[in-house]
Amino acid sequence: MMEMTMINETDEYTPGEGDIRRPNVVIVNNPSLPPTQDNIKNVVEIKFPPDKVDLKQQAAYEEIAGEPDKSVKWDRPIAGAPTATK
């Protein structure tokens, strides 16, 4: 089983100030290496209806991934999950 570790905040970032993007999932080619662009297989954003990815978010994730094709959105319904209502 893979060991999970906490990611520390950067010294340059104060929570609540500025823009920072954190994808829901980053899939790497080699899990023993850090998630640098040359090791990223996919950056995944998970959305539940009716939530949508905005264009700035999509552009940021494509930049994080290093290539537009590596940034994917997962928005499939989950069996048995309640649907969102307004």
Foldseek 3Di string as FASTA:
>chain_A
DDDDDDDDDDPVDDPPDDDDDDAPDWDFQDVVDDPALVGTQAGEHEDEPPDDQDPVNLVVRCVRNVHSVRYYYHYDDDPPDDHDDD
